[in-house]
Amino acid sequence: AQLPEFHSSLPSIEELAAMLYLAPTDVLTGEMSPQAVSCGVPFLFIP
C-alpha cells in the first residue's frame, strides 16, 4: 500500500556485527551496505 521509504542513520558496521556476535567482515559494505527501509513497517536490512 506504500512505496518504500529509506533511512541511512544507522550504527556502525562494527556495532552491528557485535550485536549479532559476528565479525565486521561478515557484514557487507559498499553497494550492499545495511539500510533501513519501510513499506509501512520499518526494518533494518543487514546483508
All heavy atoms as atom14 arrays in JSON, in Angstrom:
{
  "sequence": "AQLPEFHSSLPSIEELAAMLYLAPTDVLTGEMSPQAVSCGVPFLFIP",
  "atom14_mask": [
    [1, 1, 1, 1, 1, 0, 0, 0, 0, 0, 0, 0, 0, 0],
    [1, 1, 1, 1, 1, 1, 1, 1, 1, 0, 0, 0, 0, 0],
    [1, 1, 1, 1, 1, 1, 1, 1, 0, 0, 0, 0, 0, 0],
    [1, 1, 1, 1, 1, 1, 1, 0, 0, 0, 0, 0, 0, 0],
    [1, 1, 1, 1, 1, 1, 1, 1, 1, 0, 0, 0, 0, 0],
    [1, 1, 1, 1, 1, 1, 1, 1, 1, 1, 1, 0, 0, 0],
    [1, 1, 1, 1, 1, 1, 1, 1, 1, 1, 0, 0, 0, 0],
    [1, 1, 1, 1, 1, 1, 0, 0, 0, 0, 0, 0, 0, 0],
    [1, 1, 1, 1, 1, 1, 0, 0, 0, 0, 0, 0, 0, 0],
    [1, 1, 1, 1, 1, 1, 1, 1, 0, 0, 0, 0, 0, 0],
    [1, 1, 1, 1, 1, 1, 1, 0, 0, 0, 0, 0, 0, 0],
    [1, 1, 1, 1, 1, 1, 0, 0, 0, 0, 0, 0, 0, 0],
    [1, 1, 1, 1, 1, 1, 1, 1, 0, 0, 0, 0, 0, 0],
    [1, 1, 1, 1, 1, 1, 1, 1, 1, 0, 0, 0, 0, 0],
    [1, 1, 1, 1, 1, 1, 1, 1, 1, 0, 0, 0, 0, 0],
    [1, 1, 1, 1, 1, 1, 1, 1, 0, 0, 0, 0, 0, 0],
    [1, 1, 1, 1, 1, 0, 0, 0, 0, 0, 0, 0, 0, 0],
    [1, 1, 1, 1, 1, 0, 0, 0, 0, 0, 0, 0, 0, 0],
    [1, 1, 1, 1, 1, 1, 1, 1, 0, 0, 0, 0, 0, 0],
    [1, 1, 1, 1, 1, 1, 1, 1, 0, 0, 0, 0, 0, 0],
    [1, 1, 1, 1, 1, 1, 1, 1, 1, 1, 1, 1, 0, 0],
    [1, 1, 1, 1, 1, 1, 1, 1, 0, 0, 0, 0, 0, 0],
    [1, 1, 1, 1, 1, 0, 0, 0, 0, 0, 0, 0, 0, 0],
    [1, 1, 1, 1, 1, 1, 1, 0, 0, 0, 0, 0, 0, 0],
    [1, 1, 1, 1, 1, 1, 1, 0, 0, 0, 0, 0, 0, 0],
    [1, 1, 1, 1, 1, 1, 1, 1, 0, 0, 0, 0, 0, 0],
    [1, 1, 1, 1, 1, 1, 1, 0, 0, 0, 0, 0, 0, 0],
    [1, 1, 1, 1, 1, 1, 1, 1, 0, 0, 0, 0, 0, 0],
    [1, 1, 1, 1, 1, 1, 1, 0, 0, 0, 0, 0, 0, 0],
    [1, 1, 1, 1, 0, 0, 0, 0, 0, 0, 0, 0, 0, 0],
    [1, 1, 1, 1, 1, 1, 1, 1, 1, 0, 0, 0, 0, 0],
    [1, 1, 1, 1, 1, 1, 1, 1, 0, 0, 0, 0, 0, 0],
    [1, 1, 1, 1, 1, 1, 0, 0, 0, 0, 0, 0, 0, 0],
    [1, 1, 1, 1, 1, 1, 1, 0, 0, 0, 0, 0, 0, 0],
    [1, 1, 1, 1, 1, 1, 1, 1, 1, 0, 0, 0, 0, 0],
    [1, 1, 1, 1, 1, 0, 0, 0, 0, 0, 0, 0, 0, 0],
    [1, 1, 1, 1, 1, 1, 1, 0, 0, 0, 0, 0, 0, 0],
    [1, 1, 1, 1, 1, 1, 0, 0, 0, 0, 0, 0, 0, 0],
    [1, 1, 1, 1, 1, 1, 0, 0, 0, 0, 0, 0, 0, 0],
    [1, 1, 1, 1, 0, 0, 0, 0, 0, 0, 0, 0, 0, 0],
    [1, 1, 1, 1, 1, 1, 1, 0, 0, 0, 0, 0, 0, 0],
    [1, 1, 1, 1, 1, 1, 1, 0, 0, 0, 0, 0, 0, 0],
    [1, 1, 1, 1, 1, 1, 1, 1, 1, 1, 1, 0, 0, 0],
    [1, 1, 1, 1, 1, 1, 1, 1, 0, 0, 0, 0, 0, 0],
    [1, 1, 1, 1, 1, 1, 1, 1, 1, 1, 1, 0, 0, 0],
    [1, 1, 1, 1, 1, 1, 1, 1, 0, 0, 0, 0, 0, 0],
    [1, 1, 1, 1, 1, 1, 1, 0, 0, 0, 0, 0, 0, 0]
  ],
  "atom14_positions": [
    [[0.82, -1.21, 0.0], [0.0, 0.0, 0.0], [0.85, 1.26, 0.0], [0.36, 2.34, -0.3], [-0.91, 0.0, 1.23], [0.0, 0.0, 0.0], [0.0, 0.0, 0.0], [0.0, 0.0, 0.0], [0.0, 0.0, 0.0], [0.0, 0.0, 0.0], [0.0, 0.0, 0.0], [0.0, 0.0, 0.0], [0.0, 0.0, 0.0], [0.0, 0.0, 0.0]],
    [[2.13, 1.09, 0.36], [3.03, 2.24, 0.48], [4.35, 1.93, -0.21], [4.94, 0.87, 0.0], [3.27, 2.53, 1.97], [4.22, 3.64, 2.28], [4.4, 3.83, 3.78], [3.41, 3.93, 4.51], [5.63, 3.85, 4.24], [0.0, 0.0, 0.0], [0.0, 0.0, 0.0], [0.0, 0.0, 0.0], [0.0, 0.0, 0.0], [0.0, 0.0, 0.0]],
    [[4.82, 2.83, -1.05], [6.12, 2.66, -1.68], [7.22, 2.86, -0.65], [7.01, 3.5, 0.38], [6.27, 3.62, -2.85], [5.41, 3.29, -4.07], [5.55, 4.35, -5.15], [5.75, 1.91, -4.64], [0.0, 0.0, 0.0], [0.0, 0.0, 0.0], [0.0, 0.0, 0.0], [0.0, 0.0, 0.0], [0.0, 0.0, 0.0], [0.0, 0.0, 0.0]],
    [[8.42, 2.31, -0.9], [9.44, 2.29, 0.15], [9.95, 3.67, 0.56], [10.08, 4.58, -0.26], [10.56, 1.45, -0.47], [10.3, 1.43, -1.93], [8.84, 1.55, -2.09], [0.0, 0.0, 0.0], [0.0, 0.0, 0.0], [0.0, 0.0, 0.0], [0.0, 0.0, 0.0], [0.0, 0.0, 0.0], [0.0, 0.0, 0.0], [0.0, 0.0, 0.0]],
    [[10.21, 3.77, 1.87], [10.85, 4.94, 2.47], [12.18, 4.48, 3.04], [12.26, 3.4, 3.65], [9.95, 5.49, 3.57], [10.51, 6.67, 4.33], [9.59, 7.11, 5.47], [8.52, 6.5, 5.64], [9.97, 8.06, 6.18], [0.0, 0.0, 0.0], [0.0, 0.0, 0.0], [0.0, 0.0, 0.0], [0.0, 0.0, 0.0], [0.0, 0.0, 0.0]],
    [[13.23, 5.27, 2.87], [14.58, 4.85, 3.22], [15.19, 5.76, 4.29], [14.98, 6.98, 4.26], [15.49, 4.88, 1.98], [15.02, 4.02, 0.85], [14.13, 4.51, -0.1], [15.44, 2.71, 0.73], [13.69, 3.71, -1.15], [15.01, 1.91, -0.32], [14.13, 2.41, -1.25], [0.0, 0.0, 0.0], [0.0, 0.0, 0.0], [0.0, 0.0, 0.0]],
    [[15.94, 5.14, 5.22], [16.73, 5.88, 6.2], [18.13, 5.29, 6.23], [18.3, 4.08, 6.09], [16.1, 5.78, 7.59], [14.95, 6.7, 7.81], [14.77, 7.43, 8.95], [13.89, 7.02, 7.02], [13.66, 8.15, 8.87], [13.1, 7.9, 7.7], [0.0, 0.0, 0.0], [0.0, 0.0, 0.0], [0.0, 0.0, 0.0], [0.0, 0.0, 0.0]],
    [[19.12, 6.12, 6.45], [20.51, 5.64, 6.45], [21.26, 5.99, 7.72], [22.46, 5.76, 7.81], [21.26, 6.19, 5.24], [20.69, 5.69, 4.04], [0.0, 0.0, 0.0], [0.0, 0.0, 0.0], [0.0, 0.0, 0.0], [0.0, 0.0, 0.0], [0.0, 0.0, 0.0], [0.0, 0.0, 0.0], [0.0, 0.0, 0.0], [0.0, 0.0, 0.0]],
    [[20.6, 6.56, 8.73], [21.25, 6.88, 10.0], [21.27, 5.63, 10.87], [20.28, 5.29, 11.52], [20.51, 8.02, 10.71], [21.11, 8.3, 11.95], [0.0, 0.0, 0.0], [0.0, 0.0, 0.0], [0.0, 0.0, 0.0], [0.0, 0.0, 0.0], [0.0, 0.0, 0.0], [0.0, 0.0, 0.0], [0.0, 0.0, 0.0], [0.0, 0.0, 0.0]],
    [[22.41, 4.92, 10.86], [22.5, 3.6, 11.47], [23.74, 3.49, 12.34], [24.69, 4.25, 12.18], [22.56, 2.52, 10.38], [21.45, 2.5, 9.34], [21.78, 1.48, 8.27], [20.12, 2.2, 9.98], [0.0, 0.0, 0.0], [0.0, 0.0, 0.0], [0.0, 0.0, 0.0], [0.0, 0.0, 0.0], [0.0, 0.0, 0.0], [0.0, 0.0, 0.0]],
    [[23.77, 2.49, 13.23], [25.02, 2.18, 13.94], [26.11, 1.77, 12.95], [25.84, 1.46, 11.79], [24.63, 1.02, 14.86], [23.15, 1.11, 15.0], [22.65, 1.67, 13.7], [0.0, 0.0, 0.0], [0.0, 0.0, 0.0], [0.0, 0.0, 0.0], [0.0, 0.0, 0.0], [0.0, 0.0, 0.0], [0.0, 0.0, 0.0], [0.0, 0.0, 0.0]],
    [[27.34, 1.74, 13.42], [28.46, 1.37, 12.57], [28.43, -0.12, 12.24], [27.76, -0.91, 12.91], [29.78, 1.71, 13.26], [29.97, 0.86, 14.39], [0.0, 0.0, 0.0], [0.0, 0.0, 0.0], [0.0, 0.0, 0.0], [0.0, 0.0, 0.0], [0.0, 0.0, 0.0], [0.0, 0.0, 0.0], [0.0, 0.0, 0.0], [0.0, 0.0, 0.0]],
    [[29.19, -0.51, 11.22], [29.32, -1.91, 10.85], [29.85, -2.71, 12.04], [29.37, -3.81, 12.33], [30.26, -2.08, 9.64], [29.64, -1.43, 8.39], [30.57, -3.55, 9.39], [28.39, -2.09, 7.88], [0.0, 0.0, 0.0], [0.0, 0.0, 0.0], [0.0, 0.0, 0.0], [0.0, 0.0, 0.0], [0.0, 0.0, 0.0], [0.0, 0.0, 0.0]],
    [[30.82, -2.15, 12.76], [31.39, -2.84, 13.92], [30.35, -3.05, 15.01], [30.29, -4.13, 15.62], [32.58, -2.04, 14.46], [33.8, -2.02, 13.56], [33.64, -1.13, 12.33], [32.72, -0.25, 12.33], [34.41, -1.31, 11.36], [0.0, 0.0, 0.0], [0.0, 0.0, 0.0], [0.0, 0.0, 0.0], [0.0, 0.0, 0.0], [0.0, 0.0, 0.0]],
    [[29.51, -2.05, 15.25], [28.47, -2.18, 16.28], [27.42, -3.21, 15.87], [26.97, -4.02, 16.68], [27.83, -0.82, 16.53], [28.74, 0.15, 17.26], [28.14, 1.55, 17.31], [27.54, 1.99, 16.29], [28.29, 2.21, 18.34], [0.0, 0.0, 0.0], [0.0, 0.0, 0.0], [0.0, 0.0, 0.0], [0.0, 0.0, 0.0], [0.0, 0.0, 0.0]],
    [[27.02, -3.17, 14.59], [26.01, -4.13, 14.12], [26.56, -5.55, 14.19], [25.84, -6.48, 14.6], [25.6, -3.79, 12.69], [24.81, -2.49, 12.49], [24.57, -2.24, 11.01], [23.5, -2.51, 13.26], [0.0, 0.0, 0.0], [0.0, 0.0, 0.0], [0.0, 0.0, 0.0], [0.0, 0.0, 0.0], [0.0, 0.0, 0.0], [0.0, 0.0, 0.0]],
    [[27.81, -5.75, 13.8], [28.41, -7.08, 13.87], [28.46, -7.58, 15.3], [28.12, -8.74, 15.58], [29.8, -7.04, 13.25], [0.0, 0.0, 0.0], [0.0, 0.0, 0.0], [0.0, 0.0, 0.0], [0.0, 0.0, 0.0], [0.0, 0.0, 0.0], [0.0, 0.0, 0.0], [0.0, 0.0, 0.0], [0.0, 0.0, 0.0], [0.0, 0.0, 0.0]],
    [[28.87, -6.72, 16.24], [28.93, -7.13, 17.64], [27.55, -7.49, 18.17], [27.4, -8.45, 18.95], [29.55, -6.0, 18.47], [0.0, 0.0, 0.0], [0.0, 0.0, 0.0], [0.0, 0.0, 0.0], [0.0, 0.0, 0.0], [0.0, 0.0, 0.0], [0.0, 0.0, 0.0], [0.0, 0.0, 0.0], [0.0, 0.0, 0.0], [0.0, 0.0, 0.0]],
    [[26.54, -6.75, 17.75], [25.17, -7.03, 18.18], [24.7, -8.41, 17.71], [23.83, -9.03, 18.32], [24.24, -5.94, 17.63], [22.79, -6.04, 18.03], [21.77, -4.81, 17.17], [21.85, -5.39, 15.47], [0.0, 0.0, 0.0], [0.0, 0.0, 0.0], [0.0, 0.0, 0.0], [0.0, 0.0, 0.0], [0.0, 0.0, 0.0], [0.0, 0.0, 0.0]],
    [[25.31, -8.91, 16.62], [24.93, -10.21, 16.04], [25.95, -11.31, 16.36], [25.85, -12.41, 15.83], [24.79, -10.07, 14.53], [23.69, -9.11, 14.06], [23.85, -8.81, 12.57], [22.31, -9.66, 14.36], [0.0, 0.0, 0.0], [0.0, 0.0, 0.0], [0.0, 0.0, 0.0], [0.0, 0.0, 0.0], [0.0, 0.0, 0.0], [0.0, 0.0, 0.0]],
    [[26.93, -11.01, 17.22], [28.01, -11.95, 17.55], [28.77, -12.39, 16.29], [29.17, -13.54, 16.16], [27.46, -13.18, 18.29], [26.89, -12.89, 19.66], [25.51, -12.77, 19.85], [27.72, -12.75, 20.77], [24.98, -12.5, 21.11], [27.2, -12.49, 22.03], [25.84, -12.36, 22.19], [25.32, -12.1, 23.44], [0.0, 0.0, 0.0], [0.0, 0.0, 0.0]],
    [[28.95, -11.45, 15.38], [29.67, -11.72, 14.13], [30.9, -10.83, 14.04], [31.03, -9.84, 14.76], [28.77, -11.46, 12.92], [27.53, -12.34, 12.77], [26.68, -11.85, 11.6], [27.91, -13.8, 12.59], [0.0, 0.0, 0.0], [0.0, 0.0, 0.0], [0.0, 0.0, 0.0], [0.0, 0.0, 0.0], [0.0, 0.0, 0.0], [0.0, 0.0, 0.0]],
    [[31.79, -11.17, 13.13], [32.92, -10.32, 12.82], [32.48, -9.22, 11.86], [31.58, -9.44, 11.03], [34.04, -11.14, 12.19], [0.0, 0.0, 0.0], [0.0, 0.0, 0.0], [0.0, 0.0, 0.0], [0.0, 0.0, 0.0], [0.0, 0.0, 0.0], [0.0, 0.0, 0.0], [0.0, 0.0, 0.0], [0.0, 0.0, 0.0], [0.0, 0.0, 0.0]],
    [[33.1, -8.03, 11.92], [32.74, -6.98, 10.97], [32.86, -7.42, 9.52], [32.1, -6.95, 8.66], [33.73, -5.85, 11.31], [34.06, -6.07, 12.76], [34.06, -7.57, 12.95], [0.0, 0.0, 0.0], [0.0, 0.0, 0.0], [0.0, 0.0, 0.0], [0.0, 0.0, 0.0], [0.0, 0.0, 0.0], [0.0, 0.0, 0.0], [0.0, 0.0, 0.0]],
    [[33.78, -8.32, 9.24], [33.94, -8.79, 7.85], [32.79, -9.66, 7.38], [32.67, -9.95, 6.19], [35.26, -9.57, 7.71], [35.3, -10.61, 8.71], [36.46, -8.66, 7.88], [0.0, 0.0, 0.0], [0.0, 0.0, 0.0], [0.0, 0.0, 0.0], [0.0, 0.0, 0.0], [0.0, 0.0, 0.0], [0.0, 0.0, 0.0], [0.0, 0.0, 0.0]],
    [[31.93, -10.11, 8.32], [30.74, -10.89, 7.93], [29.65, -10.0, 7.34], [28.73, -10.5, 6.69], [30.17, -11.64, 9.14], [31.03, -12.8, 9.58], [31.62, -13.46, 8.7], [31.11, -13.06, 10.79], [0.0, 0.0, 0.0], [0.0, 0.0, 0.0], [0.0, 0.0, 0.0], [0.0, 0.0, 0.0], [0.0, 0.0, 0.0], [0.0, 0.0, 0.0]],
    [[29.71, -8.69, 7.62], [28.69, -7.74, 7.17], [29.17, -7.07, 5.9], [30.28, -6.55, 5.84], [28.4, -6.69, 8.26], [27.31, -5.73, 7.8], [27.99, -7.37, 9.57], [0.0, 0.0, 0.0], [0.0, 0.0, 0.0], [0.0, 0.0, 0.0], [0.0, 0.0, 0.0], [0.0, 0.0, 0.0], [0.0, 0.0, 0.0], [0.0, 0.0, 0.0]],
    [[28.32, -7.07, 4.88], [28.7, -6.48, 3.6], [28.71, -4.96, 3.68], [27.95, -4.34, 4.45], [27.75, -6.94, 2.5], [27.7, -8.44, 2.18], [26.79, -8.7, 0.99], [29.1, -8.99, 1.92], [0.0, 0.0, 0.0], [0.0, 0.0, 0.0], [0.0, 0.0, 0.0], [0.0, 0.0, 0.0], [0.0, 0.0, 0.0], [0.0, 0.0, 0.0]],
    [[29.55, -4.37, 2.86], [29.61, -2.91, 2.75], [29.51, -2.54, 1.27], [29.23, -3.39, 0.43], [30.92, -2.37, 3.36], [32.03, -3.01, 2.71], [30.99, -2.66, 4.85], [0.0, 0.0, 0.0], [0.0, 0.0, 0.0], [0.0, 0.0, 0.0], [0.0, 0.0, 0.0], [0.0, 0.0, 0.0], [0.0, 0.0, 0.0], [0.0, 0.0, 0.0]],
    [[29.75, -1.29, 0.96], [29.64, -0.87, -0.43], [28.18, -0.76, -0.86], [27.33, -0.29, -0.09], [0.0, 0.0, 0.0], [0.0, 0.0, 0.0], [0.0, 0.0, 0.0], [0.0, 0.0, 0.0], [0.0, 0.0, 0.0], [0.0, 0.0, 0.0], [0.0, 0.0, 0.0], [0.0, 0.0, 0.0], [0.0, 0.0, 0.0], [0.0, 0.0, 0.0]],
    [[27.88, -1.21, -2.07], [26.51, -1.08, -2.58], [25.5, -1.83, -1.72], [24.36, -1.39, -1.54], [26.44, -1.59, -4.02], [25.07, -1.37, -4.66], [24.97, -1.92, -6.07], [25.91, -2.61, -6.51], [23.95, -1.66, -6.73], [0.0, 0.0, 0.0], [0.0, 0.0, 0.0], [0.0, 0.0, 0.0], [0.0, 0.0, 0.0], [0.0, 0.0, 0.0]],
    [[25.91, -2.96, -1.16], [25.01, -3.78, -0.33], [25.2, -3.49, 1.15], [25.19, -4.37, 2.0], [25.25, -5.26, -0.61], [24.84, -5.7, -2.0], [23.06, -5.63, -2.31], [22.49, -7.07, -1.39], [0.0, 0.0, 0.0], [0.0, 0.0, 0.0], [0.0, 0.0, 0.0], [0.0, 0.0, 0.0], [0.0, 0.0, 0.0], [0.0, 0.0, 0.0]],
    [[25.37, -2.22, 1.51], [25.52, -1.83, 2.91], [24.18, -1.95, 3.64], [23.11, -1.92, 3.02], [26.01, -0.39, 3.0], [27.32, -0.27, 2.51], [0.0, 0.0, 0.0], [0.0, 0.0, 0.0], [0.0, 0.0, 0.0], [0.0, 0.0, 0.0], [0.0, 0.0, 0.0], [0.0, 0.0, 0.0], [0.0, 0.0, 0.0], [0.0, 0.0, 0.0]],
    [[24.23, -2.06, 4.97], [22.98, -2.04, 5.75], [22.18, -0.76, 5.47], [22.76, 0.32, 5.26], [23.48, -2.08, 7.19], [24.8, -2.78, 7.11], [25.41, -2.32, 5.82], [0.0, 0.0, 0.0], [0.0, 0.0, 0.0], [0.0, 0.0, 0.0], [0.0, 0.0, 0.0], [0.0, 0.0, 0.0], [0.0, 0.0, 0.0], [0.0, 0.0, 0.0]],
    [[20.87, -0.92, 5.47], [19.98, 0.22, 5.24], [18.63, -0.07, 5.86], [18.17, -1.21, 5.91], [19.82, 0.47, 3.74], [19.03, 1.74, 3.41], [18.99, 2.03, 1.92], [18.99, 1.12, 1.09], [18.95, 3.31, 1.55], [0.0, 0.0, 0.0], [0.0, 0.0, 0.0], [0.0, 0.0, 0.0], [0.0, 0.0, 0.0], [0.0, 0.0, 0.0]],
    [[17.97, 0.98, 6.34], [16.63, 0.87, 6.9], [15.6, 1.25, 5.84], [15.75, 2.28, 5.17], [16.48, 1.77, 8.12], [0.0, 0.0, 0.0], [0.0, 0.0, 0.0], [0.0, 0.0, 0.0], [0.0, 0.0, 0.0], [0.0, 0.0, 0.0], [0.0, 0.0, 0.0], [0.0, 0.0, 0.0], [0.0, 0.0, 0.0], [0.0, 0.0, 0.0]],
    [[14.58, 0.41, 5.69], [13.55, 0.62, 4.67], [12.19, 0.28, 5.27], [12.07, -0.65, 6.08], [13.79, -0.27, 3.42], [12.81, 0.11, 2.3], [15.22, -0.2, 2.93], [0.0, 0.0, 0.0], [0.0, 0.0, 0.0], [0.0, 0.0, 0.0], [0.0, 0.0, 0.0], [0.0, 0.0, 0.0], [0.0, 0.0, 0.0], [0.0, 0.0, 0.0]],
    [[11.17, 1.0, 4.87], [9.81, 0.71, 5.31], [8.83, 0.81, 4.16], [8.91, 1.71, 3.33], [9.37, 1.7, 6.4], [8.01, 1.51, 6.75], [0.0, 0.0, 0.0], [0.0, 0.0, 0.0], [0.0, 0.0, 0.0], [0.0, 0.0, 0.0], [0.0, 0.0, 0.0], [0.0, 0.0, 0.0], [0.0, 0.0, 0.0], [0.0, 0.0, 0.0]],
    [[7.91, -0.16, 4.11], [6.7, -0.04, 3.28], [5.48, -0.08, 4.2], [4.46, -0.69, 3.9], [6.64, -1.16, 2.25], [7.77, -0.96, 0.86], [0.0, 0.0, 0.0], [0.0, 0.0, 0.0], [0.0, 0.0, 0.0], [0.0, 0.0, 0.0], [0.0, 0.0, 0.0], [0.0, 0.0, 0.0], [0.0, 0.0, 0.0], [0.0, 0.0, 0.0]],
    [[5.61, 0.55, 5.36], [4.56, 0.56, 6.37], [5.08, 0.16, 7.73], [4.63, 0.68, 8.75], [0.0, 0.0, 0.0], [0.0, 0.0, 0.0], [0.0, 0.0, 0.0], [0.0, 0.0, 0.0], [0.0, 0.0, 0.0], [0.0, 0.0, 0.0], [0.0, 0.0, 0.0], [0.0, 0.0, 0.0], [0.0, 0.0, 0.0], [0.0, 0.0, 0.0]],
    [[6.03, -0.79, 7.74], [6.71, -1.2, 8.98], [8.21, -1.16, 8.68], [8.68, -1.82, 7.77], [6.29, -2.62, 9.42], [7.01, -3.02, 10.7], [4.78, -2.7, 9.62], [0.0, 0.0, 0.0], [0.0, 0.0, 0.0], [0.0, 0.0, 0.0], [0.0, 0.0, 0.0], [0.0, 0.0, 0.0], [0.0, 0.0, 0.0], [0.0, 0.0, 0.0]],
    [[9.0, -0.38, 9.45], [10.43, -0.26, 9.15], [11.22, -1.5, 9.57], [10.95, -2.11, 10.62], [10.87, 0.96, 9.99], [9.61, 1.64, 10.41], [8.57, 0.57, 10.49], [0.0, 0.0, 0.0], [0.0, 0.0, 0.0], [0.0, 0.0, 0.0], [0.0, 0.0, 0.0], [0.0, 0.0, 0.0], [0.0, 0.0, 0.0], [0.0, 0.0, 0.0]],
    [[12.21, -1.84, 8.75], [13.15, -2.93, 9.05], [14.56, -2.45, 8.72], [14.76, -1.7, 7.76], [12.83, -4.18, 8.21], [11.55, -4.85, 8.62], [10.35, -4.46, 8.05], [11.53, -5.86, 9.57], [9.15, -5.06, 8.42], [10.35, -6.46, 9.95], [9.16, -6.06, 9.37], [0.0, 0.0, 0.0], [0.0, 0.0, 0.0], [0.0, 0.0, 0.0]],
    [[15.51, -2.92, 9.51], [16.91, -2.67, 9.23], [17.47, -3.88, 8.5], [17.55, -4.97, 9.06], [17.69, -2.43, 10.52], [19.22, -2.34, 10.4], [19.62, -1.3, 9.36], [19.84, -2.05, 11.75], [0.0, 0.0, 0.0], [0.0, 0.0, 0.0], [0.0, 0.0, 0.0], [0.0, 0.0, 0.0], [0.0, 0.0, 0.0], [0.0, 0.0, 0.0]],
    [[17.84, -3.69, 7.24], [18.37, -4.77, 6.41], [19.89, -4.82, 6.57], [20.58, -3.82, 6.34], [17.97, -4.58, 4.95], [16.49, -4.72, 4.75], [15.66, -3.61, 4.74], [15.92, -5.97, 4.61], [14.29, -3.75, 4.6], [14.55, -6.13, 4.46], [13.73, -5.0, 4.45], [0.0, 0.0, 0.0], [0.0, 0.0, 0.0], [0.0, 0.0, 0.0]],
    [[20.39, -6.0, 6.98], [21.82, -6.19, 7.19], [22.27, -7.35, 6.3], [22.03, -8.52, 6.63], [22.15, -6.48, 8.66], [21.59, -5.37, 9.56], [23.66, -6.62, 8.85], [21.83, -5.6, 11.04], [0.0, 0.0, 0.0], [0.0, 0.0, 0.0], [0.0, 0.0, 0.0], [0.0, 0.0, 0.0], [0.0, 0.0, 0.0], [0.0, 0.0, 0.0]],
    [[22.89, -7.08, 5.15], [23.37, -8.14, 4.27], [24.64, -8.78, 4.83], [25.55, -8.08, 5.29], [23.64, -7.42, 2.95], [22.98, -6.08, 3.08], [23.01, -5.76, 4.52], [0.0, 0.0, 0.0], [0.0, 0.0, 0.0], [0.0, 0.0, 0.0], [0.0, 0.0, 0.0], [0.0, 0.0, 0.0], [0.0, 0.0, 0.0], [0.0, 0.0, 0.0]]
  ]
}
